[in-house]
Protein backbone atom coordinates (compact mmCIF):
# COMPACT_ATOMS: atom_id res chain seq x y z
CA MET A 1 131.22 127.53 75.05
CA LYS A 2 134.16 127.87 77.47
CA THR A 3 136.46 125.07 78.60
CA PRO A 4 134.53 123.39 81.40
CA LYS A 5 135.56 123.82 85.01
CA ILE A 6 136.36 120.52 86.73
CA LEU A 7 135.80 120.12 90.46
CA GLN A 8 136.92 117.00 92.29
CA THR A 9 135.38 115.65 95.49
CA ASP A 10 134.98 112.37 97.33
CA TYR A 11 131.19 112.22 97.39
CA LEU A 12 128.84 114.13 95.09
CA VAL A 13 125.30 114.41 96.47
CA ILE A 14 122.69 115.44 93.90
CA GLY A 15 119.68 116.73 95.83
CA SER A 16 119.17 118.37 99.21
CA GLY A 17 116.24 116.58 100.84
CA LEU A 18 116.45 114.75 104.15
CA SER A 19 118.26 111.68 102.82
CA GLY A 20 120.91 113.74 101.01
CA LEU A 21 121.65 116.08 103.91
CA TYR A 22 121.68 113.24 106.44
CA PHE A 23 124.07 111.29 104.20
CA ALA A 24 126.31 114.33 103.81
CA HIS A 25 126.56 114.92 107.55
CA HIS A 26 127.68 111.36 108.28
CA ALA A 27 129.84 110.89 105.16
CA SER A 28 131.74 114.11 105.89
CA LYS A 29 133.42 112.32 108.79
CA HIS A 30 135.53 110.34 106.32
CA GLY A 31 135.57 112.34 103.07
CA LYS A 32 134.85 115.61 101.31
CA VAL A 33 131.19 116.01 100.32
CA THR A 34 129.81 118.26 97.59
CA ILE A 35 126.06 118.91 97.51
CA ILE A 36 124.27 120.41 94.53
CA SER A 37 120.68 121.60 94.85
CA LYS A 38 118.50 122.71 91.93
CA LYS A 39 117.20 125.62 93.97
CA LYS A 40 117.63 126.38 97.67
CA ILE A 41 118.32 123.62 100.17
CA ILE A 42 114.82 123.95 101.57
CA ASP A 43 113.17 123.40 98.17
CA SER A 44 112.52 119.70 98.69
CA THR A 45 109.64 117.35 99.33
CA SER A 46 111.18 116.51 102.71
CA TYR A 47 110.79 120.12 103.82
CA LEU A 48 107.03 119.90 103.18
CA ALA A 49 106.53 116.65 105.14
CA GLN A 50 104.00 117.28 107.87
CA ALA A 51 103.25 114.12 109.82
CA GLY A 52 106.57 112.65 110.95
CA ILE A 53 108.70 109.52 111.12
CA ALA A 54 107.18 106.12 111.84
CA SER A 55 109.25 104.19 114.36
CA VAL A 56 108.67 101.82 117.25
CA LEU A 57 109.26 103.92 120.35
CA SER A 58 106.52 102.76 122.71
CA LYS A 59 106.26 99.72 124.97
CA GLU A 60 102.72 99.27 123.65
CA ASP A 61 104.09 98.83 120.13
CA SER A 62 106.38 96.23 118.59
CA GLN A 63 108.71 95.98 115.62
CA LYS A 64 106.79 92.92 114.50
CA SER A 65 103.61 95.01 114.30
CA HIS A 66 105.33 97.77 112.31
CA ILE A 67 106.83 95.22 109.94
CA GLU A 68 103.49 93.53 109.33
CA ASP A 69 101.68 96.86 108.81
CA THR A 70 104.30 97.81 106.21
CA ILE A 71 104.13 94.49 104.37
CA ARG A 72 100.33 94.39 104.39
CA THR A 73 100.14 97.91 102.94
CA GLY A 74 102.80 96.98 100.36
CA ALA A 75 100.37 94.42 98.87
CA GLY A 76 102.87 91.57 98.67
CA LEU A 77 105.77 93.41 97.00
CA SER A 78 107.70 94.69 100.01
CA ASN A 79 111.06 93.00 100.58
CA ARG A 80 110.66 91.54 104.08
CA LYS A 81 114.39 91.59 104.85
CA ILE A 82 114.61 95.27 103.93
CA VAL A 83 111.50 96.11 105.95
CA GLU A 84 112.88 94.28 108.98
CA MET A 85 116.20 96.09 108.63
CA VAL A 86 114.67 99.55 108.31
CA VAL A 87 112.21 99.06 111.15
CA SER A 88 114.91 97.70 113.47
CA GLU A 89 117.31 100.58 112.75
CA GLY A 90 114.66 103.31 112.97
CA PRO A 91 114.91 103.96 116.73
CA ASP A 92 118.68 104.56 116.43
CA ARG A 93 118.06 107.27 113.82
CA ILE A 94 115.47 108.95 116.08
CA ARG A 95 117.96 108.91 118.96
CA ASP A 96 120.56 110.43 116.63
CA PHE A 97 118.21 113.32 115.88
CA ILE A 98 117.49 113.89 119.55
CA GLU A 99 120.97 113.42 121.01
CA ASN A 100 123.26 114.71 118.25
CA PHE A 101 121.09 117.17 116.31
CA GLY A 102 118.95 118.48 119.14
CA VAL A 103 115.62 118.01 117.35
CA SER A 104 112.77 118.83 119.73
CA PHE A 105 110.10 116.29 118.86
CA THR A 106 106.67 117.01 120.30
CA ARG A 107 106.20 115.49 123.74
CA GLN A 108 103.30 114.83 126.08
CA GLU A 109 102.93 116.44 129.51
CA ASP A 110 104.84 113.59 131.18
CA GLY A 111 107.81 114.16 128.86
CA SER A 112 107.28 111.08 126.70
CA LEU A 113 107.28 111.40 122.92
CA ASP A 114 103.87 112.21 121.45
CA LEU A 115 103.16 109.49 118.89
CA GLY A 116 100.64 110.01 116.10
CA LEU A 117 98.41 107.45 114.39
CA GLU A 118 97.99 107.31 110.61
CA GLY A 119 96.24 105.18 108.01
CA GLY A 120 97.52 101.61 107.76
CA HIS A 121 99.19 101.66 111.20
CA SER A 122 97.85 99.44 113.97
CA LYS A 123 99.58 101.44 116.72
CA ARG A 124 100.55 105.02 117.49
CA ARG A 125 104.16 105.27 116.31
CA VAL A 126 104.65 108.50 114.34
CA VAL A 127 107.12 110.79 116.09
CA HIS A 128 106.66 114.38 114.96
CA VAL A 129 107.36 118.06 115.50
CA ASP A 130 103.80 119.39 115.66
CA ASP A 131 102.63 119.21 112.03
CA PHE A 132 105.79 120.53 110.35
CA THR A 133 108.26 117.71 111.01
CA GLY A 134 110.06 117.95 107.67
CA LYS A 135 110.66 121.67 108.03
CA SER A 136 112.09 121.21 111.52
CA LEU A 137 114.40 118.34 110.48
CA ILE A 138 115.69 120.10 107.36
CA ASN A 139 116.33 123.39 109.16
CA THR A 140 118.22 121.58 111.92
CA ILE A 141 120.40 119.47 109.61
CA LYS A 142 120.91 122.40 107.24
CA GLU A 143 122.73 124.35 109.93
CA LYS A 144 124.99 121.40 110.71
CA VAL A 145 125.80 120.91 107.04
CA LYS A 146 126.39 124.60 106.26
CA ASN A 147 128.84 124.92 109.14
CA ASN A 148 130.74 121.75 108.26
CA PRO A 149 134.14 122.55 106.68
CA ASN A 150 134.17 119.19 104.90
CA ILE A 151 130.92 119.91 103.03
CA GLU A 152 130.60 122.26 100.05
CA ILE A 153 127.14 123.34 98.89
CA PHE A 154 126.17 124.67 95.46
CA GLU A 155 122.59 125.93 95.40
CA ASN A 156 120.84 126.79 92.11
CA THR A 157 122.95 124.14 90.41
CA MET A 158 121.48 121.33 88.33
CA ALA A 159 122.86 118.00 87.14
CA VAL A 160 122.55 117.58 83.37
CA ASP A 161 123.70 113.96 83.09
CA LEU A 162 125.85 111.47 84.94
CA LEU A 163 129.41 110.69 83.88
CA SER A 164 129.82 107.04 82.97
CA MET A 165 132.90 104.95 82.16
CA SER A 166 130.80 103.09 79.59
CA LYS A 167 131.27 106.13 77.34
CA TYR A 168 134.98 105.25 77.32
CA ASN A 169 134.43 101.57 76.48
CA LYS A 170 135.10 100.56 80.09
CA PRO A 171 132.94 98.60 82.58
CA ASN A 172 129.97 100.74 83.61
CA SER A 173 130.85 102.97 86.55
CA CYS A 174 129.73 106.47 87.53
CA PHE A 175 132.37 109.08 88.32
CA GLY A 176 130.34 112.28 88.75
CA ALA A 177 128.11 114.52 86.70
CA PHE A 178 127.83 117.34 84.20
CA VAL A 179 126.28 120.35 85.96
CA ILE A 180 124.82 123.70 84.94
CA GLN A 181 123.73 126.87 86.70
CA PRO A 182 120.57 128.70 85.55
CA ASP A 183 122.24 131.93 84.46
CA SER A 184 124.91 130.18 82.40
CA ILE A 185 125.12 128.12 79.23
CA ASP A 186 128.38 126.56 80.40
CA ILE A 187 128.23 122.91 81.44
CA ASN A 188 130.88 122.07 84.00
CA ILE A 189 132.02 118.82 85.57
CA ILE A 190 132.13 117.44 89.11
CA ILE A 191 134.18 114.26 89.55
CA ALA A 192 133.60 112.01 92.55
CA ARG A 193 134.54 108.63 94.00
CA ALA A 194 130.84 108.05 94.62
CA THR A 195 127.76 109.82 93.28
CA ILE A 196 124.64 109.81 95.44
CA LEU A 197 121.26 110.51 93.86
CA ALA A 198 118.94 112.09 96.43
CA THR A 199 116.78 113.91 93.90
CA GLY A 200 113.35 112.93 95.24
CA GLY A 201 110.40 111.58 93.31
CA ALA A 202 108.45 112.48 90.20
CA GLY A 203 105.13 113.87 91.42
CA LYS A 204 105.26 116.73 88.94
CA VAL A 205 104.78 114.28 86.07
CA TYR A 206 101.09 114.67 87.00
CA ASN A 207 98.85 117.69 86.60
CA TYR A 208 97.92 117.77 90.28
CA SER A 209 100.60 117.05 92.86
CA SER A 210 101.52 117.83 96.44
CA ASN A 211 105.19 117.99 95.40
CA PRO A 212 107.36 121.08 94.84
CA ASP A 213 108.11 122.06 91.24
CA THR A 214 111.56 120.44 91.51
CA ALA A 215 110.11 116.89 91.73
CA VAL A 216 110.39 115.83 88.08
CA GLY A 217 112.32 112.56 88.51
CA ASP A 218 115.74 113.93 87.50
CA GLY A 219 117.76 111.27 89.31
CA ILE A 220 115.61 108.42 88.02
CA ALA A 221 115.97 109.63 84.43
CA MET A 222 119.73 110.20 84.68
CA ALA A 223 120.34 106.80 86.28
CA TYR A 224 118.22 105.06 83.64
CA ARG A 225 120.14 106.77 80.85
CA ILE A 226 123.48 105.35 82.03
CA GLY A 227 122.09 101.83 82.41
CA ALA A 228 120.91 101.55 86.02
CA GLN A 229 117.90 99.36 86.75
CA VAL A 230 114.66 101.14 87.62
CA SER A 231 111.88 99.21 89.39
CA ASN A 232 108.11 99.46 90.04
CA MET A 233 107.54 102.93 88.62
CA GLU A 234 103.89 102.09 87.99
CA PHE A 235 103.24 102.51 91.72
CA ILE A 236 102.58 106.24 92.16
CA GLN A 237 100.94 107.11 95.45
CA PHE A 238 98.17 109.69 95.34
CA HIS A 239 97.65 111.44 98.66
CA PRO A 240 93.91 111.34 99.35
CA THR A 241 93.59 114.77 100.94
CA ILE A 242 94.98 117.90 99.30
CA LEU A 243 93.24 121.18 100.12
CA TYR A 244 90.79 122.02 97.34
CA HIS A 245 90.94 125.79 96.81
CA HIS A 246 91.62 127.78 93.64
CA GLN A 247 94.28 129.88 95.39
CA ALA A 248 96.04 127.07 97.23
CA LYS A 249 98.90 125.39 95.39
CA SER A 250 98.47 121.76 96.39
CA PHE A 251 98.59 122.27 100.15
CA LEU A 252 98.63 118.85 101.82
CA ILE A 253 96.18 117.96 104.59
CA SER A 254 98.06 115.40 106.66
CA GLU A 255 96.80 111.87 107.14
CA ALA A 256 97.32 112.50 110.84
CA LEU A 257 94.01 114.44 110.89
CA ARG A 258 92.21 111.23 110.01
CA GLY A 259 94.33 109.49 112.63
CA GLU A 260 92.88 111.83 115.23
CA GLY A 261 89.30 111.08 114.18
CA GLY A 262 88.61 113.07 111.00
CA ILE A 263 85.72 111.77 108.87
CA LEU A 264 85.48 111.96 105.08
CA ARG A 265 82.06 113.12 103.90
CA LEU A 266 80.26 113.90 100.65
CA ASN A 267 78.81 117.34 99.94
CA ASP A 268 75.51 116.29 101.59
CA GLY A 269 77.33 115.19 104.76
CA THR A 270 77.25 111.44 104.11
CA ALA A 271 80.26 109.51 105.44
CA PHE A 272 81.37 106.98 102.82
CA MET A 273 84.66 105.29 103.73
CA SER A 274 83.03 102.36 105.54
CA LYS A 275 81.73 101.20 102.12
CA TYR A 276 85.30 100.71 100.95
CA SER A 277 87.15 99.37 104.00
CA GLU A 278 86.43 98.11 107.50
CA ARG A 279 89.22 100.48 108.62
CA ALA A 280 87.23 103.37 107.08
CA GLU A 281 89.29 106.61 107.25
CA LEU A 282 92.30 104.66 108.55
CA ALA A 283 92.57 102.46 105.46
CA SER A 284 95.79 102.68 103.46
CA ARG A 285 96.23 105.55 101.03
CA ASP A 286 95.55 103.57 97.87
CA ILE A 287 92.12 102.55 99.16
CA VAL A 288 91.20 106.05 100.41
CA ALA A 289 92.34 107.78 97.21
CA ARG A 290 90.38 105.34 94.99
CA ALA A 291 87.32 105.71 97.21
CA ILE A 292 87.37 109.50 96.86
CA ASP A 293 88.01 109.25 93.12
CA SER A 294 85.04 106.86 92.78
CA GLU A 295 82.69 109.05 94.80
CA LEU A 296 83.61 112.17 92.83
CA LYS A 297 82.94 110.37 89.54
CA ILE A 298 79.56 109.18 90.83
CA SER A 299 78.47 112.55 92.23
CA GLY A 300 80.08 114.85 89.68
CA GLU A 301 81.23 117.08 92.56
CA ASP A 302 84.63 118.78 92.60
CA CYS A 303 85.72 117.61 96.05
CA VAL A 304 84.81 115.73 99.22
CA PHE A 305 85.16 117.07 102.77
CA LEU A 306 87.28 116.10 105.75
CA ASP A 307 85.19 116.79 108.83
CA MET A 308 86.98 117.60 112.12
CA THR A 309 84.20 119.68 113.66
CA HIS A 310 83.12 116.97 116.12
CA LEU A 311 86.56 117.08 117.80
CA ASP A 312 87.86 119.49 120.44
CA GLY A 313 88.83 122.72 118.70
CA GLU A 314 91.62 123.72 121.08
CA PHE A 315 93.21 120.29 120.77
CA LEU A 316 93.14 120.54 116.98
CA LYS A 317 94.76 123.99 116.98
CA GLY A 318 97.53 122.72 119.22
CA ARG A 319 98.08 119.45 117.37
CA PHE A 320 97.96 120.92 113.86
CA PRO A 321 99.06 124.58 114.11
CA ASN A 322 100.56 124.77 110.62
CA ILE A 323 97.58 123.18 108.88
CA TYR A 324 95.15 125.29 110.93
CA LYS A 325 96.99 128.50 110.00
CA ASN A 326 97.15 127.63 106.30
CA CYS A 327 93.51 126.54 106.08
CA LEU A 328 92.46 129.74 107.85
CA LYS A 329 94.39 131.71 105.25
CA TYR A 330 92.01 130.28 102.64
CA GLY A 331 88.90 130.92 104.71
CA VAL A 332 88.53 127.44 106.23
CA ASP A 333 88.40 127.18 110.03
CA PHE A 334 88.48 123.40 110.36
CA THR A 335 87.33 123.54 113.98
CA LYS A 336 84.01 124.85 112.61
CA ASP A 337 83.89 123.89 108.92
CA PRO A 338 84.80 120.69 106.99
CA ILE A 339 87.93 120.94 104.82
CA PRO A 340 87.39 120.55 101.05
CA VAL A 341 89.88 117.94 99.79
CA VAL A 342 90.86 116.04 96.62
CA PRO A 343 93.58 113.45 95.83
CA ALA A 344 96.85 114.44 94.13
CA ALA A 345 100.07 112.68 93.11
CA HIS A 346 102.26 112.50 96.19
CA TYR A 347 104.95 109.82 96.35
CA THR A 348 106.92 107.67 93.91
CA CYS A 349 107.07 104.16 95.40
CA GLY A 350 109.28 102.85 92.60
CA GLY A 351 112.66 104.23 91.63
CA ILE A 352 116.29 103.35 91.04
CA GLN A 353 116.92 99.78 92.16
CA THR A 354 119.29 99.57 95.14
CA ASN A 355 120.62 97.05 97.62
CA LYS A 356 120.50 97.34 101.42
CA ASN A 357 123.17 100.06 101.40
CA GLY A 358 121.77 102.21 98.61
CA ARG A 359 124.06 100.85 95.89
CA THR A 360 122.53 100.83 92.42
CA THR A 361 123.35 98.39 89.63
CA VAL A 362 125.97 100.87 88.31
CA ASN A 363 129.28 100.87 90.17
CA ASN A 364 129.91 103.88 92.47
CA LEU A 365 126.35 105.16 91.96
CA PHE A 366 124.02 105.26 94.95
CA ALA A 367 120.38 106.28 95.30
CA ILE A 368 118.61 107.18 98.54
CA GLY A 369 115.29 108.69 99.56
CA GLU A 370 112.34 108.86 97.20
CA SER A 371 114.50 108.46 94.08
CA ALA A 372 115.39 104.92 95.18
CA HIS A 373 113.54 101.63 95.07
CA THR A 374 114.83 99.79 98.11
CA GLY A 375 112.04 97.24 98.43
CA MET A 376 110.64 98.91 101.54
CA HIS A 377 107.34 100.21 100.21
CA GLY A 378 106.23 97.51 97.78
CA ALA A 379 103.07 98.39 95.86
CA CYS A 380 101.96 101.07 98.34
CA ARG A 381 103.86 103.07 100.96
CA LEU A 382 102.72 102.97 104.58
CA ALA A 383 102.24 106.52 105.90
CA SER A 384 105.33 108.17 107.46
CA ASN A 385 107.65 105.35 106.36
CA SER A 386 109.29 107.65 103.81
CA LEU A 387 111.32 109.80 106.23
CA LEU A 388 112.21 106.62 108.11
CA GLU A 389 113.55 104.99 104.94
CA ALA A 390 115.37 108.21 104.00
CA VAL A 391 117.43 108.43 107.17
CA VAL A 392 118.13 104.70 107.50
CA PHE A 393 119.44 104.48 103.93
CA GLY A 394 121.12 107.88 104.15
CA TYR A 395 123.16 106.59 107.06
CA ARG A 396 123.86 103.16 105.56
CA ALA A 397 125.01 104.70 102.27
CA SER A 398 127.28 107.11 104.18
CA GLN A 399 129.13 104.10 105.56
CA ALA A 400 129.13 102.06 102.34
CA VAL A 401 130.79 104.80 100.25
CA LYS A 402 134.01 104.40 102.22
CA ASP A 403 134.84 101.45 99.96
CA CYS A 404 134.45 103.37 96.68
CA LYS A 405 137.61 103.89 94.63
CA MET A 406 137.95 106.63 92.05
CA SER A 407 137.31 105.29 88.55
CA ARG A 408 137.74 107.96 85.88
CA PRO A 409 139.34 108.39 82.46
CA ARG A 410 142.58 110.30 82.08
CA THR A 411 140.89 112.81 79.81
CA ILE A 412 137.23 113.65 80.19
CA ILE A 413 135.17 114.24 77.06
CA PRO A 414 133.41 117.59 77.57
CA TRP A 415 129.72 118.14 76.93
CA LYS A 416 129.10 118.41 73.20
CA SER A 417 126.57 121.00 72.10
CA GLU A 418 127.47 120.53 68.44
CA LYS A 419 125.87 123.39 66.45
CA ALA A 420 123.23 124.12 69.07
CA VAL A 421 122.02 127.69 69.25
CA SER A 422 120.01 129.67 71.77
CA SER A 423 116.23 129.27 71.50
CA ASP A 424 113.55 131.90 71.92
CA GLU A 425 110.80 129.26 71.66
CA GLY A 426 110.06 128.88 75.37
CA VAL A 427 106.44 128.20 74.49
CA VAL A 428 107.50 124.81 73.07
CA VAL A 429 108.86 123.76 76.46
CA THR A 430 105.79 125.04 78.31
CA HIS A 431 103.36 123.34 75.92
CA ASN A 432 105.09 119.96 76.10
CA TRP A 433 105.39 120.18 79.89
CA ASP A 434 101.65 120.82 80.22
CA GLU A 435 100.70 118.12 77.74
CA ILE A 436 102.78 115.45 79.49
CA ARG A 437 101.22 116.24 82.86
CA ARG A 438 97.64 116.28 81.51
CA THR A 439 98.19 113.04 79.61
CA MET A 440 99.53 111.30 82.70
CA TRP A 441 96.72 112.59 84.92
CA ASN A 442 93.97 111.56 82.49
CA TYR A 443 95.34 108.20 81.35
CA VAL A 444 97.85 106.95 83.96
CA GLY A 445 96.27 108.25 87.16
CA ILE A 446 94.45 106.72 90.13
CA VAL A 447 92.40 104.42 87.85
CA ARG A 448 93.83 103.06 84.58
CA SER A 449 92.74 100.89 81.66
CA ASP A 450 94.50 99.18 78.77
CA LYS A 451 93.07 101.69 76.31
CA ARG A 452 94.15 104.68 78.39
CA LEU A 453 97.67 103.31 78.76
CA LYS A 454 97.97 102.76 75.00
CA ARG A 455 96.84 106.33 74.33
CA ALA A 456 99.33 107.65 76.85
CA ASN A 457 102.11 105.57 75.32
CA THR A 458 101.44 106.90 71.82
CA ARG A 459 101.32 110.54 72.89
CA ILE A 460 104.33 110.48 75.23
CA LYS A 461 106.49 108.84 72.56
CA MET A 462 105.60 111.61 70.10
CA ILE A 463 106.42 114.27 72.69
CA ARG A 464 109.75 112.60 73.49
CA GLU A 465 110.71 112.66 69.81
CA GLU A 466 109.94 116.38 69.69
CA ILE A 467 111.97 116.97 72.84
CA HIS A 468 114.92 114.95 71.53
CA LYS A 469 115.20 117.10 68.42
CA TYR A 470 114.73 120.28 70.42
CA TYR A 471 117.29 119.15 73.03
CA TRP A 472 120.16 118.74 70.60
CA ASP A 473 119.26 121.65 68.30
CA PHE A 474 119.36 124.30 71.03
CA LEU A 475 121.61 125.21 73.93
CA VAL A 476 120.69 123.38 77.11
CA THR A 477 118.72 125.21 79.80
CA ALA A 478 117.41 124.04 83.17
CA GLU A 479 113.85 124.06 81.78
CA VAL A 480 114.77 121.83 78.84
CA ILE A 481 116.73 119.43 81.08
CA GLU A 482 113.70 119.05 83.35
CA LEU A 483 111.38 118.54 80.39
CA ARG A 484 113.63 115.83 78.97
CA ASN A 485 113.72 114.04 82.35
CA LEU A 486 109.99 114.46 82.95
CA ALA A 487 109.14 112.90 79.58
CA LEU A 488 111.45 109.91 80.11
CA VAL A 489 110.04 109.24 83.57
CA ALA A 490 106.49 109.44 82.19
CA ASP A 491 107.47 106.86 79.56
CA ILE A 492 108.96 104.58 82.24
CA ILE A 493 105.78 104.80 84.34
CA ILE A 494 103.64 103.92 81.32
CA HIS A 495 105.90 100.97 80.44
CA GLY A 496 105.65 99.61 83.96
CA ALA A 497 101.88 100.08 84.15
CA SER A 498 101.36 98.43 80.74
CA ARG A 499 103.30 95.33 81.79
CA ARG A 500 101.42 94.76 85.03
CA LEU A 501 98.16 93.11 83.90
CA GLU A 502 96.59 93.08 87.35
CA SER A 503 95.48 95.49 90.08
CA ARG A 504 97.77 95.67 93.10
CA GLY A 505 98.32 98.46 95.60
CA LEU A 506 98.59 101.79 93.84
CA HIS A 507 98.24 100.30 90.35
CA TYR A 508 94.55 99.84 89.59
CA ASN A 509 93.53 98.76 86.07
CA ILE A 510 89.79 98.38 85.43
CA ASP A 511 90.53 95.75 82.74
CA HIS A 512 92.49 93.60 85.23
CA GLN A 513 90.86 94.19 88.60
CA GLU A 514 92.19 91.14 90.45
CA ARG A 515 95.65 90.41 91.82
CA SER A 516 97.62 87.72 90.03
CA SER A 517 100.32 85.53 91.56
CA PHE A 518 102.16 85.80 88.23
CA TYR A 519 102.83 89.49 88.98
CA LEU A 520 104.05 88.93 92.53
CA LYS A 521 107.38 90.39 91.42
CA ASN A 522 109.01 93.72 90.65
CA THR A 523 108.74 95.38 87.26
CA VAL A 524 112.41 95.98 86.42
CA LEU A 525 113.29 98.22 83.48
CA GLU A 526 116.68 99.15 82.07
CA ARG A 527 118.23 100.02 78.75
CA GLY A 528 117.25 97.30 76.30
CA ASN A 529 113.92 96.28 77.87
CA GLY A 530 112.34 99.69 78.53
CA PRO A 531 111.79 103.02 76.78
CA ALA A 532 114.47 104.58 74.60
CA HIS A 533 116.86 106.50 76.85
CA THR A 534 117.88 109.45 74.65
């Protein structure tokens, strides 16, 4: 292995979703920013976001209402001060997009912003660009970032591990990361005053997910390994409505369709959501996903159906052009036929513990977007609050990093591969990847039990031991790095779920079906009280 290349920057951003790009744009005004993206910039969960950004932009709405909707959906675990902060700063971020980025949000005939309604919201407050908001925002910010001389972008570049001063017997502080490119075995180094994890969530820890293949919890795993606190990872949100079709790869059917009057029905046409909530189709995602899961187990059917056929077809085509086009590609004209749907893992409500500015418990390490646990979402995320949280914390972190001072050793210990050799056993990686995802889906999914969690714990620990030996015996590849991270995140989720002996929000355990005041607190894990971090 060659002597590693060392690149120095002010701010290293790992990840290229909305929070990372928005941070980079604003931080570049006072420092040099380096962005690394595992694949292309557009390969992020943010890019796939359909519905929009929840924010109070109407005289008929109020910040108080948005705050209460968020806290109610969060099932008692949302941090009220954080919710109030994010909701109050949301309109400023929307104005920033309109005035400084030129984002053309969808408007009504009178020129006012068109505001969508989604499950859990009491008012229309979701600003959007048709039904491809994430794509529009990312494409707009991408151009700003690419043309910014103070921002350097490395696509197809992956972080292997974070650099920590604790390795040098100094107080724990992050000063960058080891990085690798897919066509190389050389692990290089990027040093930074501040490192910002914007790596997204961990939806791909489950067999069925709406997330892109990159969402394996890399940032969460790396932060945990260097001693950062990770909170509430047991709360994994399953989106209730993913298109059910053997050729479709987890295409998401936005909650906004239910906001416009869509009805969930069984195969025989029976509407069922009123049995589970007085808000019916507009109940929060945890309730809708469990209701669908329950009905499928009762009926033995493969899917339920989202019926839009009673609504005006021309309105639907105009309101949801992207979804209409994609459904039509798979033979479903939702103006005439109900859409077959099933739940799938969608959003990681827990993550790396941060303060109001995105600072983690490790000095000079920040986390923003889905990789972070800010306290906003509690035990269940309110629809379209994710992009809101991403931009509010992206901006706040971009201002907070000004205070970071470089903390690095005089001589950096390079990555040690010891006697590792190249492996031709790719099947080992593939097999373990598949087994982790099946285990998590079957035992740590929408509905859990003590027995299922114990089984999952036993199997994931065995897999992690296999991966650990494999990891240090062979030269590191992107696939092995992802597998290592995926397995650790799965272990963290299981640990969190096993410790919460109640049912709250997205965590539903059939052996502990009631909420308990004892668990009205975050599940905080870190080295020493959680899974082994190797």
